[in-house]
PDB file of N, CA and C in Angstrom:
ATOM      1  N   UNK A   1       0.866  -0.981   0.141  1.00  0.00           N
ATOM      2  CA  UNK A   1      -0.005   0.110  -0.040  1.00  0.00           C
ATOM      3  C   UNK A   1       0.907   1.365  -0.229  1.00  0.00           C
ATOM      4  N   UNK A   2       0.354   2.215  -0.743  1.00  0.00           N
ATOM      5  CA  UNK A   2       1.106   3.442  -0.958  1.00  0.00           C
ATOM      6  C   UNK A   2       0.604   4.466  -0.024  1.00  0.00           C
ATOM      7  N   UNK A   3       1.471   5.234   0.754  1.00  0.00           N
ATOM      8  CA  UNK A   3       0.806   6.429   1.526  1.00  0.00           C
ATOM      9  C   UNK A   3       0.554   7.682   0.526  1.00  0.00           C
ATOM     10  N   UNK A   4      -0.469   7.973   0.574  1.00  0.00           N
ATOM     11  CA  UNK A   4      -0.831   9.435  -0.120  1.00  0.00           C
ATOM     12  C   UNK A   4      -1.315  10.566   0.847  1.00  0.00           C
ATOM     13  N   UNK A   5      -0.642  11.668   0.775  1.00  0.00           N
ATOM     14  CA  UNK A   5      -0.730  12.505   1.492  1.00  0.00           C
ATOM     15  C   UNK A   5      -1.607  13.591   1.018  1.00  0.00           C
ATOM     16  N   UNK A   6      -2.650  14.181   1.055  1.00  0.00           N
ATOM     17  CA  UNK A   6      -3.242  15.318   0.209  1.00  0.00           C
ATOM     18  C   UNK A   6      -2.703  16.837   0.533  1.00  0.00           C
ATOM     19  N   UNK A   7      -2.729  17.774  -0.201  1.00  0.00           N
ATOM     20  CA  UNK A   7      -2.196  18.948   0.148  1.00  0.00           C
ATOM     21  C   UNK A   7      -2.946  19.763   1.164  1.00  0.00           C
ATOM     22  N   UNK A   8      -2.575  20.374   1.989  1.00  0.00           N
ATOM     23  CA  UNK A   8      -3.290  21.305   2.961  1.00  0.00           C
ATOM     24  C   UNK A   8      -4.326  22.246   2.407  1.00  0.00           C
ATOM     25  N   UNK A   9      -5.440  22.098   2.869  1.00  0.00           N
ATOM     26  CA  UNK A   9      -6.445  23.254   2.429  1.00  0.00           C
ATOM     27  C   UNK A   9      -7.234  22.468   1.552  1.00  0.00           C
ATOM     28  N   UNK A  10      -7.243  21.387   1.247  1.00  0.00           N
ATOM     29  CA  UNK A  10      -8.260  20.329   0.704  1.00  0.00           C
ATOM     30  C   UNK A  10      -9.459  20.235   1.333  1.00  0.00           C
ATOM     31  N   UNK A  11     -10.632  20.390   0.608  1.00  0.00           N
ATOM     32  CA  UNK A  11     -11.855  20.707   1.464  1.00  0.00           C
ATOM     33  C   UNK A  11     -12.562  19.280   0.914  1.00  0.00           C
ATOM     34  N   UNK A  12     -13.292  18.432   2.017  1.00  0.00           N
ATOM     35  CA  UNK A  12     -14.045  17.263   1.801  1.00  0.00           C
ATOM     36  C   UNK A  12     -15.520  17.436   1.972  1.00  0.00           C
ATOM     37  N   UNK A  13     -16.215  17.234   0.990  1.00  0.00           N
ATOM     38  CA  UNK A  13     -17.590  17.360   0.832  1.00  0.00           C
ATOM     39  C   UNK A  13     -18.025  15.759   1.105  1.00  0.00           C
ATOM     40  N   UNK A  14     -19.036  15.668   2.209  1.00  0.00           N
ATOM     41  CA  UNK A  14     -19.410  14.408   2.761  1.00  0.00           C
ATOM     42  C   UNK A  14     -20.887  14.379   2.285  1.00  0.00           C
ATOM     43  N   UNK A  15     -21.292  13.142   1.804  1.00  0.00           N
ATOM     44  CA  UNK A  15     -22.901  12.920   1.484  1.00  0.00           C
ATOM     45  C   UNK A  15     -22.785  11.521   1.762  1.00  0.00           C
ATOM     46  N   UNK A  16     -24.026  11.170   2.868  1.00  0.00           N
ATOM     47  CA  UNK A  16     -24.400   9.905   3.184  1.00  0.00           C
ATOM     48  C   UNK A  16     -25.833   9.455   2.822  1.00  0.00           C
ATOM     49  N   UNK A  17     -25.982   8.416   2.355  1.00  0.00           N
ATOM     50  CA  UNK A  17     -27.241   7.975   1.600  1.00  0.00           C
ATOM     51  C   UNK A  17     -27.564   6.449   2.390  1.00  0.00           C
ATOM     52  N   UNK A  18     -28.863   6.389   2.482  1.00  0.00           N
ATOM     53  CA  UNK A  18     -29.174   4.808   2.830  1.00  0.00           C
ATOM     54  C   UNK A  18     -29.702   4.429   1.618  1.00  0.00           C
ATOM     55  N   UNK A  19     -29.143   3.308   1.036  1.00  0.00           N
ATOM     56  CA  UNK A  19     -29.837   2.733  -0.484  1.00  0.00           C
ATOM     57  C   UNK A  19     -30.512   1.362  -0.134  1.00  0.00           C
ATOM     58  N   UNK A  20     -30.986   0.978  -0.812  1.00  0.00           N
ATOM     59  CA  UNK A  20     -31.651  -0.490  -0.826  1.00  0.00           C
ATOM     60  C   UNK A  20     -30.501  -1.589  -0.677  1.00  0.00           C
ATOM     61  N   UNK A  21     -30.126  -2.215   0.011  1.00  0.00           N
ATOM     62  CA  UNK A  21     -28.902  -3.042   0.186  1.00  0.00           C
ATOM     63  C   UNK A  21     -28.709  -3.988  -1.145  1.00  0.00           C
ATOM     64  N   UNK A  22     -29.617  -4.221  -1.534  1.00  0.00           N
ATOM     65  CA  UNK A  22     -29.534  -5.209  -2.830  1.00  0.00           C
ATOM     66  C   UNK A  22     -29.181  -4.417  -4.048  1.00  0.00           C
ATOM     67  N   UNK A  23     -29.080  -3.137  -3.995  1.00  0.00           N
ATOM     68  CA  UNK A  23     -29.022  -2.111  -4.949  1.00  0.00           C
ATOM     69  C   UNK A  23     -27.933  -1.371  -4.973  1.00  0.00           C
ATOM     70  N   UNK A  24     -26.942  -1.385  -3.874  1.00  0.00           N
ATOM     71  CA  UNK A  24     -25.621  -0.598  -3.633  1.00  0.00           C
ATOM     72  C   UNK A  24     -24.748  -0.593  -4.964  1.00  0.00           C
ATOM     73  N   UNK A  25     -24.637  -1.845  -5.462  1.00  0.00           N
ATOM     74  CA  UNK A  25     -23.345  -1.872  -6.492  1.00  0.00           C
ATOM     75  C   UNK A  25     -24.127  -0.776  -7.368  1.00  0.00           C
ATOM     76  N   UNK A  26     -25.427  -0.901  -7.886  1.00  0.00           N
ATOM     77  CA  UNK A  26     -25.755  -0.209  -8.898  1.00  0.00           C
ATOM     78  C   UNK A  26     -25.623   1.549  -8.833  1.00  0.00           C
ATOM     79  N   UNK A  27     -26.057   1.581  -7.645  1.00  0.00           N
ATOM     80  CA  UNK A  27     -25.826   3.299  -7.084  1.00  0.00           C
ATOM     81  C   UNK A  27     -24.672   3.452  -7.216  1.00  0.00           C
ATOM     82  N   UNK A  28     -23.713   2.841  -6.857  1.00  0.00           N
ATOM     83  CA  UNK A  28     -22.315   3.025  -7.085  1.00  0.00           C
ATOM     84  C   UNK A  28     -21.922   3.263  -8.560  1.00  0.00           C
ATOM     85  N   UNK A  29     -22.334   2.398  -9.421  1.00  0.00           N
ATOM     86  CA  UNK A  29     -22.088   2.683 -10.419  1.00  0.00           C
ATOM     87  C   UNK A  29     -22.567   3.862 -11.347  1.00  0.00           C
ATOM     88  N   UNK A  30     -23.859   4.074 -10.920  1.00  0.00           N
ATOM     89  CA  UNK A  30     -24.620   5.464 -11.391  1.00  0.00           C
ATOM     90  C   UNK A  30     -23.931   6.634 -10.934  1.00  0.00           C
ATOM     91  N   UNK A  31     -23.571   6.460  -9.481  1.00  0.00           N
ATOM     92  CA  UNK A  31     -22.900   8.011  -8.909  1.00  0.00           C
ATOM     93  C   UNK A  31     -21.603   8.088  -9.765  1.00  0.00           C
ATOM     94  N   UNK A  32     -20.801   7.271  -9.962  1.00  0.00           N
ATOM     95  CA  UNK A  32     -19.609   7.385 -10.944  1.00  0.00           C
ATOM     96  C   UNK A  32     -19.893   7.734 -12.078  1.00  0.00           C
ATOM     97  N   UNK A  33     -20.808   7.075 -12.911  1.00  0.00           N
ATOM     98  CA  UNK A  33     -21.268   7.568 -14.424  1.00  0.00           C
ATOM     99  C   UNK A  33     -21.644   8.968 -14.290  1.00  0.00           C
ATOM    100  N   UNK A  34     -22.674   9.180 -13.632  1.00  0.00           N
ATOM    101  CA  UNK A  34     -23.519  10.617 -13.882  1.00  0.00           C
ATOM    102  C   UNK A  34     -22.961  11.668 -13.078  1.00  0.00           C
ATOM    103  N   UNK A  35     -22.201  11.384 -11.954  1.00  0.00           N
ATOM    104  CA  UNK A  35     -21.653  12.312 -11.167  1.00  0.00           C
ATOM    105  C   UNK A  35     -19.917  12.437 -11.047  1.00  0.00           C
ATOM    106  N   UNK A  36     -19.354  11.708 -10.715  1.00  0.00           N
ATOM    107  CA  UNK A  36     -17.957  11.668 -10.066  1.00  0.00           C
ATOM    108  C   UNK A  36     -17.158  11.757 -11.604  1.00  0.00           C
ATOM    109  N   UNK A  37     -17.469  11.355 -12.764  1.00  0.00           N
ATOM    110  CA  UNK A  37     -16.783  11.275 -13.824  1.00  0.00           C
ATOM    111  C   UNK A  37     -16.969  12.632 -14.582  1.00  0.00           C
ATOM    112  N   UNK A  38     -17.683  13.194 -14.390  1.00  0.00           N
ATOM    113  CA  UNK A  38     -18.105  14.596 -15.023  1.00  0.00           C
ATOM    114  C   UNK A  38     -17.518  15.341 -13.941  1.00  0.00           C
ATOM    115  N   UNK A  39     -17.553  15.450 -12.666  1.00  0.00           N
ATOM    116  CA  UNK A  39     -16.761  16.246 -12.029  1.00  0.00           C
ATOM    117  C   UNK A  39     -15.260  16.414 -12.475  1.00  0.00           C
ATOM    118  N   UNK A  40     -14.818  15.349 -12.577  1.00  0.00           N
ATOM    119  CA  UNK A  40     -13.383  15.224 -12.790  1.00  0.00           C
ATOM    120  C   UNK A  40     -12.906  16.132 -13.804  1.00  0.00           C
ATOM    121  N   UNK A  41     -13.635  16.778 -14.706  1.00  0.00           N
ATOM    122  CA  UNK A  41     -13.195  17.698 -15.744  1.00  0.00           C
ATOM    123  C   UNK A  41     -13.324  19.059 -14.895  1.00  0.00           C
ATOM    124  N   UNK A  42     -13.716  19.091 -13.926  1.00  0.00           N
ATOM    125  CA  UNK A  42     -14.111  20.594 -13.343  1.00  0.00           C
ATOM    126  C   UNK A  42     -12.881  21.137 -12.638  1.00  0.00           C
ATOM    127  N   UNK A  43     -12.512  22.594 -12.730  1.00  0.00           N
ATOM    128  CA  UNK A  43     -11.528  22.900 -11.869  1.00  0.00           C
ATOM    129  C   UNK A  43     -11.626  22.932 -10.563  1.00  0.00           C
ATOM    130  N   UNK A  44     -10.550  22.411  -9.623  1.00  0.00           N
ATOM    131  CA  UNK A  44     -10.686  22.509  -8.397  1.00  0.00           C
ATOM    132  C   UNK A  44     -11.127  21.068  -7.731  1.00  0.00           C
ATOM    133  N   UNK A  45     -11.616  20.152  -8.729  1.00  0.00           N
ATOM    134  CA  UNK A  45     -12.218  18.857  -8.169  1.00  0.00           C
ATOM    135  C   UNK A  45     -10.868  18.002  -8.336  1.00  0.00           C
ATOM    136  N   UNK A  46     -10.756  17.492  -7.204  1.00  0.00           N
ATOM    137  CA  UNK A  46      -9.392  16.645  -6.818  1.00  0.00           C
ATOM    138  C   UNK A  46      -9.597  15.177  -6.877  1.00  0.00           C
ATOM    139  N   UNK A  47     -10.711  14.505  -6.700  1.00  0.00           N
ATOM    140  CA  UNK A  47     -11.347  12.944  -6.470  1.00  0.00           C
ATOM    141  C   UNK A  47     -12.356  12.765  -5.962  1.00  0.00           C
ATOM    142  N   UNK A  48     -12.746  11.515  -5.991  1.00  0.00           N
ATOM    143  CA  UNK A  48     -14.025  10.989  -5.325  1.00  0.00           C
ATOM    144  C   UNK A  48     -13.704   9.664  -4.518  1.00  0.00           C
ATOM    145  N   UNK A  49     -14.205   9.207  -3.612  1.00  0.00           N
ATOM    146  CA  UNK A  49     -14.280   7.937  -2.821  1.00  0.00           C
ATOM    147  C   UNK A  49     -15.706   7.732  -2.390  1.00  0.00           C
ATOM    148  N   UNK A  50     -15.969   6.480  -2.623  1.00  0.00           N
ATOM    149  CA  UNK A  50     -17.249   5.952  -1.986  1.00  0.00           C
ATOM    150  C   UNK A  50     -17.095   4.748  -0.973  1.00  0.00           C
ATOM    151  N   UNK A  51     -17.525   5.040   0.256  1.00  0.00           N
ATOM    152  CA  UNK A  51     -17.542   4.068   1.297  1.00  0.00           C
ATOM    153  C   UNK A  51     -18.884   3.327   1.587  1.00  0.00           C
ATOM    154  N   UNK A  52     -18.704   1.890   1.598  1.00  0.00           N
ATOM    155  CA  UNK A  52     -20.050   1.260   1.869  1.00  0.00           C
ATOM    156  C   UNK A  52     -20.071   0.542   2.996  1.00  0.00           C
ATOM    157  N   UNK A  53     -20.860   0.768   4.044  1.00  0.00           N
ATOM    158  CA  UNK A  53     -20.747   0.497   5.313  1.00  0.00           C
ATOM    159  C   UNK A  53     -20.960  -1.184   5.527  1.00  0.00           C
ATOM    160  N   UNK A  54     -20.097  -1.644   6.228  1.00  0.00           N
ATOM    161  CA  UNK A  54     -20.227  -3.300   6.360  1.00  0.00           C
ATOM    162  C   UNK A  54     -20.963  -3.497   7.571  1.00  0.00           C
ATOM    163  N   UNK A  55     -21.612  -2.651   8.619  1.00  0.00           N
ATOM    164  CA  UNK A  55     -22.157  -3.060   9.669  1.00  0.00           C
ATOM    165  C   UNK A  55     -23.783  -2.472   9.667  1.00  0.00           C
ATOM    166  N   UNK A  56     -24.004  -1.277   8.627  1.00  0.00           N
ATOM    167  CA  UNK A  56     -25.193  -0.845   8.290  1.00  0.00           C
ATOM    168  C   UNK A  56     -25.687  -0.952   6.786  1.00  0.00           C
ATOM    169  N   UNK A  57     -25.995  -2.111   6.720  1.00  0.00           N
ATOM    170  CA  UNK A  57     -26.321  -2.457   4.993  1.00  0.00           C
ATOM    171  C   UNK A  57     -26.868  -1.373   4.496  1.00  0.00           C
ATOM    172  N   UNK A  58     -26.427  -1.102   3.239  1.00  0.00           N
ATOM    173  CA  UNK A  58     -27.149  -0.078   2.377  1.00  0.00           C
ATOM    174  C   UNK A  58     -26.408   1.498   2.662  1.00  0.00           C
ATOM    175  N   UNK A  59     -25.941   1.491   3.860  1.00  0.00           N
ATOM    176  CA  UNK A  59     -25.309   2.935   4.098  1.00  0.00           C
ATOM    177  C   UNK A  59     -24.226   3.017   3.189  1.00  0.00           C
ATOM    178  N   UNK A  60     -24.335   4.288   2.386  1.00  0.00           N
ATOM    179  CA  UNK A  60     -22.975   4.511   1.553  1.00  0.00           C
ATOM    180  C   UNK A  60     -22.751   6.140   1.632  1.00  0.00           C
ATOM    181  N   UNK A  61     -21.394   6.304   1.946  1.00  0.00           N
ATOM    182  CA  UNK A  61     -20.795   7.576   2.219  1.00  0.00           C
ATOM    183  C   UNK A  61     -19.777   7.969   0.817  1.00  0.00           C
ATOM    184  N   UNK A  62     -20.313   9.337   0.138  1.00  0.00           N
ATOM    185  CA  UNK A  62     -19.575   9.794  -0.672  1.00  0.00           C
ATOM    186  C   UNK A  62     -18.865  10.775  -0.452  1.00  0.00           C
ATOM    187  N   UNK A  63     -17.547  10.806  -0.854  1.00  0.00           N
ATOM    188  CA  UNK A  63     -16.603  11.930  -0.373  1.00  0.00           C
ATOM    189  C   UNK A  63     -16.013  12.317  -1.632  1.00  0.00           C
ATOM    190  N   UNK A  64     -16.192  13.625  -1.685  1.00  0.00           N
ATOM    191  CA  UNK A  64     -15.746  14.406  -3.042  1.00  0.00           C
ATOM    192  C   UNK A  64     -14.875  15.249  -2.580  1.00  0.00           C
ATOM    193  N   UNK A  65     -13.647  15.321  -2.999  1.00  0.00           N
ATOM    194  CA  UNK A  65     -12.451  16.042  -2.665  1.00  0.00           C
ATOM    195  C   UNK A  65     -12.088  17.266  -3.614  1.00  0.00           C
ATOM    196  N   UNK A  66     -12.069  18.609  -2.999  1.00  0.00           N
ATOM    197  CA  UNK A  66     -12.034  20.052  -3.714  1.00  0.00           C
ATOM    198  C   UNK A  66     -10.508  20.510  -3.331  1.00  0.00           C
ATOM    199  N   UNK A  67     -10.083  21.179  -4.164  1.00  0.00           N
ATOM    200  CA  UNK A  67      -8.833  22.002  -3.881  1.00  0.00           C
ATOM    201  C   UNK A  67      -8.910  23.102  -2.966  1.00  0.00           C
ATOM    202  N   UNK A  68     -10.269  23.387  -2.593  1.00  0.00           N
ATOM    203  CA  UNK A  68     -10.554  24.223  -1.207  1.00  0.00           C
ATOM    204  C   UNK A  68     -11.839  24.592  -1.303  1.00  0.00           C
ATOM    205  N   UNK A  69     -12.391  25.032  -0.213  1.00  0.00           N
ATOM    206  CA  UNK A  69     -13.543  25.501   0.127  1.00  0.00           C
ATOM    207  C   UNK A  69     -14.365  26.287  -1.025  1.00  0.00           C
ATOM    208  N   UNK A  70     -13.503  27.294  -1.562  1.00  0.00           N
ATOM    209  CA  UNK A  70     -13.832  28.053  -2.528  1.00  0.00           C
ATOM    210  C   UNK A  70     -14.394  27.374  -3.975  1.00  0.00           C
ATOM    211  N   UNK A  71     -13.785  26.208  -4.354  1.00  0.00           N
ATOM    212  CA  UNK A  71     -13.591  25.594  -5.532  1.00  0.00           C
ATOM    213  C   UNK A  71     -14.957  24.910  -5.211  1.00  0.00           C
ATOM    214  N   UNK A  72     -15.260  24.228  -4.066  1.00  0.00           N
ATOM    215  CA  UNK A  72     -16.697  23.430  -3.862  1.00  0.00           C
ATOM    216  C   UNK A  72     -17.812  24.578  -4.072  1.00  0.00           C
ATOM    217  N   UNK A  73     -17.553  25.635  -3.620  1.00  0.00           N
ATOM    218  CA  UNK A  73     -18.524  26.723  -3.451  1.00  0.00           C
ATOM    219  C   UNK A  73     -18.945  27.273  -4.930  1.00  0.00           C
ATOM    220  N   UNK A  74     -17.964  27.221  -5.925  1.00  0.00           N
ATOM    221  CA  UNK A  74     -18.114  27.921  -7.226  1.00  0.00           C
ATOM    222  C   UNK A  74     -18.863  26.850  -8.071  1.00  0.00           C
ATOM    223  N   UNK A  75     -19.001  25.581  -7.274  1.00  0.00           N
ATOM    224  CA  UNK A  75     -19.721  24.640  -8.531  1.00  0.00           C
ATOM    225  C   UNK A  75     -21.095  25.154  -8.984  1.00  0.00           C
ATOM    226  N   UNK A  76     -21.521  25.134 -10.078  1.00  0.00           N
ATOM    227  CA  UNK A  76     -22.454  25.460 -10.776  1.00  0.00           C
ATOM    228  C   UNK A  76     -23.837  24.827  -9.887  1.00  0.00           C
ATOM    229  N   UNK A  77     -24.619  25.512  -9.396  1.00  0.00           N
ATOM    230  CA  UNK A  77     -25.700  24.749  -8.564  1.00  0.00           C
ATOM    231  C   UNK A  77     -26.959  24.289  -9.589  1.00  0.00           C
ATOM    232  N   UNK A  78     -27.128  24.875 -10.554  1.00  0.00           N
ATOM    233  CA  UNK A  78     -28.014  24.332 -11.399  1.00  0.00           C
ATOM    234  C   UNK A  78     -27.664  23.246 -12.351  1.00  0.00           C
ATOM    235  N   UNK A  79     -26.441  23.132 -12.503  1.00  0.00           N
ATOM    236  CA  UNK A  79     -25.906  21.929 -13.215  1.00  0.00           C
ATOM    237  C   UNK A  79     -25.972  20.868 -11.834  1.00  0.00           C
ATOM    238  N   UNK A  80     -25.304  20.925 -10.857  1.00  0.00           N
ATOM    239  CA  UNK A  80     -25.505  20.113 -10.018  1.00  0.00           C
ATOM    240  C   UNK A  80     -26.833  19.625  -9.494  1.00  0.00           C
ATOM    241  N   UNK A  81     -27.948  20.480  -9.511  1.00  0.00           N
ATOM    242  CA  UNK A  81     -29.076  19.896  -9.146  1.00  0.00           C
ATOM    243  C   UNK A  81     -29.478  18.967 -10.349  1.00  0.00           C
ATOM    244  N   UNK A  82     -29.358  19.292 -11.588  1.00  0.00           N
ATOM    245  CA  UNK A  82     -29.825  18.506 -12.573  1.00  0.00           C
ATOM    246  C   UNK A  82     -28.986  17.234 -12.580  1.00  0.00           C
ATOM    247  N   UNK A  83     -27.798  17.108 -12.120  1.00  0.00           N
ATOM    248  CA  UNK A  83     -26.998  15.635 -11.990  1.00  0.00           C
ATOM    249  C   UNK A  83     -27.780  14.842 -11.095  1.00  0.00           C
ATOM    250  N   UNK A  84     -28.537  15.762  -9.556  1.00  0.00           N
ATOM    251  CA  UNK A  84     -28.783  14.678  -8.831  1.00  0.00           C
ATOM    252  C   UNK A  84     -30.143  14.382  -9.295  1.00  0.00           C
ATOM    253  N   UNK A  85     -30.618  15.106 -10.053  1.00  0.00           N
ATOM    254  CA  UNK A  85     -32.024  14.755 -10.614  1.00  0.00           C
ATOM    255  C   UNK A  85     -31.918  13.608 -11.641  1.00  0.00           C
ATOM    256  N   UNK A  86     -30.756  13.758 -12.156  1.00  0.00           N
ATOM    257  CA  UNK A  86     -30.777  12.615 -13.124  1.00  0.00           C
ATOM    258  C   UNK A  86     -30.194  11.214 -12.164  1.00  0.00           C
ATOM    259  N   UNK A  87     -29.602  11.227 -11.283  1.00  0.00           N
ATOM    260  CA  UNK A  87     -29.209  10.047 -10.543  1.00  0.00           C
ATOM    261  C   UNK A  87     -30.828   9.417 -10.109  1.00  0.00           C
ATOM    262  N   UNK A  88     -31.344  10.448  -9.288  1.00  0.00           N
ATOM    263  CA  UNK A  88     -32.829  10.066  -8.983  1.00  0.00           C
ATOM    264  C   UNK A  88     -33.642   9.438  -9.769  1.00  0.00           C
ATOM    265  N   UNK A  89     -33.738  10.038 -11.127  1.00  0.00           N
ATOM    266  CA  UNK A  89     -34.480   9.351 -12.339  1.00  0.00           C
ATOM    267  C   UNK A  89     -33.993   7.882 -12.611  1.00  0.00           C
ATOM    268  N   UNK A  90     -32.767   7.891 -12.835  1.00  0.00           N
ATOM    269  CA  UNK A  90     -32.139   6.618 -13.094  1.00  0.00           C
ATOM    270  C   UNK A  90     -31.997   5.416 -12.037  1.00  0.00           C
ATOM    271  N   UNK A  91     -32.114   5.678 -10.898  1.00  0.00           N
ATOM    272  CA  UNK A  91     -32.219   4.828  -9.832  1.00  0.00           C
ATOM    273  C   UNK A  91     -33.537   4.487  -9.285  1.00  0.00           C
ATOM    274  N   UNK A  92     -33.895   5.627  -9.090  1.00  0.00           N
ATOM    275  CA  UNK A  92     -35.634   5.502  -8.138  1.00  0.00           C
ATOM    276  C   UNK A  92     -35.482   6.140  -6.995  1.00  0.00           C
ATOM    277  N   UNK A  93     -36.246   7.175  -6.639  1.00  0.00           N
ATOM    278  CA  UNK A  93     -36.244   7.861  -5.652  1.00  0.00           C
ATOM    279  C   UNK A  93     -36.783   6.742  -4.483  1.00  0.00           C
ATOM    280  N   UNK A  94     -37.528   5.947  -4.810  1.00  0.00           N
ATOM    281  CA  UNK A  94     -37.836   5.092  -3.533  1.00  0.00           C
ATOM    282  C   UNK A  94     -36.956   4.193  -3.175  1.00  0.00           C
ATOM    283  N   UNK A  95     -35.589   4.141  -3.686  1.00  0.00           N
ATOM    284  CA  UNK A  95     -34.688   3.174  -3.693  1.00  0.00           C
ATOM    285  C   UNK A  95     -33.599   3.704  -3.105  1.00  0.00           C
ATOM    286  N   UNK A  96     -33.679   5.158  -2.617  1.00  0.00           N
ATOM    287  CA  UNK A  96     -32.556   5.681  -1.903  1.00  0.00           C
ATOM    288  C   UNK A  96     -33.121   6.873  -0.727  1.00  0.00           C
ATOM    289  N   UNK A  97     -32.503   7.151   0.420  1.00  0.00           N
ATOM    290  CA  UNK A  97     -32.892   8.142   1.228  1.00  0.00           C
ATOM    291  C   UNK A  97     -31.513   8.738   1.468  1.00  0.00           C
ATOM    292  N   UNK A  98     -31.821  10.444   1.332  1.00  0.00           N
ATOM    293  CA  UNK A  98     -30.595  11.109   1.790  1.00  0.00           C
ATOM    294  C   UNK A  98     -30.574  11.179   3.349  1.00  0.00           C
ATOM    295  N   UNK A  99     -29.490  11.021   3.967  1.00  0.00           N
ATOM    296  CA  UNK A  99     -29.189  10.734   5.289  1.00  0.00           C
ATOM    297  C   UNK A  99     -28.495  12.203   5.999  1.00  0.00           C
ATOM    298  N   UNK A 100     -27.404  12.654   5.205  1.00  0.00           N
ATOM    299  CA  UNK A 100     -27.019  13.762   5.715  1.00  0.00           C
ATOM    300  C   UNK A 100     -25.714  14.451   4.984  1.00  0.00           C
ATOM    301  N   UNK A 101     -25.756  15.799   5.038  1.00  0.00           N
ATOM    302  CA  UNK A 101     -24.306  16.464   4.309  1.00  0.00           C
ATOM    303  C   UNK A 101     -23.437  17.000   5.381  1.00  0.00           C
ATOM    304  N   UNK A 102     -22.751  15.847   6.012  1.00  0.00           N
ATOM    305  CA  UNK A 102     -21.670  16.122   6.936  1.00  0.00           C
ATOM    306  C   UNK A 102     -20.912  17.271   6.761  1.00  0.00           C
ATOM    307  N   UNK A 103     -20.499  17.756   5.656  1.00  0.00           N
ATOM    308  CA  UNK A 103     -19.888  19.088   5.391  1.00  0.00           C
ATOM    309  C   UNK A 103     -20.623  20.538   5.589  1.00  0.00           C
ATOM    310  N   UNK A 104     -22.032  20.073   5.700  1.00  0.00           N
ATOM    311  CA  UNK A 104     -22.977  21.436   5.981  1.00  0.00           C
ATOM    312  C   UNK A 104     -23.520  21.383   7.348  1.00  0.00           C
ATOM    313  N   UNK A 105     -23.015  20.528   8.113  1.00  0.00           N
ATOM    314  CA  UNK A 105     -23.355  20.524   9.640  1.00  0.00           C
ATOM    315  C   UNK A 105     -22.051  20.868  10.680  1.00  0.00           C
ATOM    316  N   UNK A 106     -21.868  20.270  11.648  1.00  0.00           N
ATOM    317  CA  UNK A 106     -20.793  20.805  12.740  1.00  0.00           C
ATOM    318  C   UNK A 106     -19.777  19.954  12.271  1.00  0.00           C
ATOM    319  N   UNK A 107     -19.813  18.986  11.377  1.00  0.00           N
ATOM    320  CA  UNK A 107     -18.542  18.295  10.751  1.00  0.00           C
ATOM    321  C   UNK A 107     -18.070  18.705   9.508  1.00  0.00           C
ATOM    322  N   UNK A 108     -17.258  19.559   9.638  1.00  0.00           N
ATOM    323  CA  UNK A 108     -16.131  20.062   8.646  1.00  0.00           C
ATOM    324  C   UNK A 108     -14.982  19.388   8.623  1.00  0.00           C
ATOM    325  N   UNK A 109     -14.442  19.248   7.076  1.00  0.00           N
ATOM    326  CA  UNK A 109     -13.493  18.393   7.242  1.00  0.00           C
ATOM    327  C   UNK A 109     -12.737  19.350   5.967  1.00  0.00           C
ATOM    328  N   UNK A 110     -11.406  19.426   6.460  1.00  0.00           N
ATOM    329  CA  UNK A 110     -10.494  20.371   5.691  1.00  0.00           C
ATOM    330  C   UNK A 110      -8.989  19.566   5.815  1.00  0.00           C
ATOM    331  N   UNK A 111      -8.184  19.254   4.884  1.00  0.00           N
ATOM    332  CA  UNK A 111      -6.747  18.525   5.315  1.00  0.00           C
ATOM    333  C   UNK A 111      -5.853  19.611   5.645  1.00  0.00           C
ATOM    334  N   UNK A 112      -5.160  19.344   6.521  1.00  0.00           N
ATOM    335  CA  UNK A 112      -4.195  19.885   7.180  1.00  0.00           C
ATOM    336  C   UNK A 112      -2.992  19.581   7.123  1.00  0.00           C
ATOM    337  N   UNK A 113      -2.045  20.208   7.264  1.00  0.00           N
ATOM    338  CA  UNK A 113      -0.531  19.763   6.879  1.00  0.00           C
ATOM    339  C   UNK A 113      -0.199  18.943   7.928  1.00  0.00           C
ATOM    340  N   UNK A 114       0.584  17.777   7.704  1.00  0.00           N
ATOM    341  CA  UNK A 114       0.893  16.958   8.815  1.00  0.00           C
ATOM    342  C   UNK A 114       2.286  17.203   9.481  1.00  0.00           C
ATOM    343  N   UNK A 115       2.968  18.208   8.984  1.00  0.00           N
ATOM    344  CA  UNK A 115       4.337  18.831   9.451  1.00  0.00           C
ATOM    345  C   UNK A 115       3.995  19.663  10.694  1.00  0.00           C
TER     346      UNK A 115
END
């Protein structure tokens, strides 16, 4: 395994969903195809990880990494809303429940220097 240390100032967007457990794989595929792949071409976007809980069936946490908070805030909200709608239409609103946006609560994630 290789140690990867991100640059200080990196902003992490955390989104948590409850997905019908038997459909988690499909949800991950859709989120990648519809959202993450397209974000990859945007200025300030640094990467995406998705975590699937082993202890809470269907709990999915998406982490989107941004160069800084300003890059995240500059995201075109109309475009983003369209992408969210596209995922919902493709996956089915009845198959997913939004749990929280950790980055918009008291949980703020920003990479700091290790030195």
